[in-house]
Amino acid sequence: MNRLYLKDRFIRYSLIAIGVIVVLSLFGGFLLDWHGFLENVLASIAFSGITIIVGLFFVDRLIEHRQEQQWARVRLLTYRGLAAHLCDMASMTMVAFPYGDQRPAGRILEGRNEPREATVAGFERLTDVLRNLTDSTSRTKSLSDMAVEFYEMVRWDLGQIQTVLTPRLLESATSQKLIDALMEFDHAHRALYSAILGHKLVITQSAYHYIPDLIAAAGHLYREMRPHWERAEQDLTKDNGLADGRDMRLNSEAEGLGVLTTSRKDKPRRSRTSSHRH
């Protein structure tokens, strides 16, 4: 207790002493040469202002630009991973459920590795197909039983989206619409999981009702993500083009230096004997 009190007193008196020294220095400098002293004070103020302006408008922007470049590649890889998991998850419905039209799943798979407008339509069409499906065409399994099997097939994809990709997108600079779509998909995932638990315990036959909602939420998420994904792919292509241009310029300069060195090496030298003769 006494040690803390002594430390606070020392800091307080030190600040007072520094303030007194500053005031005396200003007063003494003004009395000795007020003209030169005033010029130095104004120059110091101007220099401090310029330093603050440079720090705020240039250094901070440079740091933000570098951080944005670092996050840009992370976001691109996140978009690719999210699209792959969404499309793989949705395409597994044609394995788990007995619907005849498999063209929507094919359109969805086309957008697995690159952003496609047709994939958005595929999600919408698949949602309608699943909503209209009312018969499992099986004597031993209901649609909710098939929903349980479907969930086991896509558990890893849903886990990756929930625990890895969603937090990564939320940490980066993301639009509000994309965040809302992520939350909507997470809600649909949790609702399906709760319904599956209820079906396993009580056989409620209500688990399948949440499958079309999950596919609809996945389609909404893909639709909101697609423009960001396209922009990220274009930025990467642009950066790679600039890098390739720099590499080609460096290679051409190196080849030019190599040719110049070779020409110097191959240049015939006059012998000392011939020079003496002439």
Foldseek 3Di string as FASTA:
>chain_A
DVVVVVVVVVVVVVVVVVVVVVVVVLVVVCVVPVVVSVVVVVVVVVVVVVVVVCCVPPVVVVVVVVVCVVLLVVVLVLLLLLLQLLLVLLLCCVVLADFDDNVLNVQSVVPNRAQDPSVLVSLVVSLVRLVPDQARPDPPDGLLNSLLVSCVVSVVSVCCLPPPSLVSQVVDDDDPQLNVLSVQLVVLVVVLVVVNVVCVVPVPSCNSVSVSSNSNSSSSNSVRCNVVNVVSVVVVVVVVVVVVVVVVVVVVVVVVVVVVVVCVVPDDDDDPVVVVVD
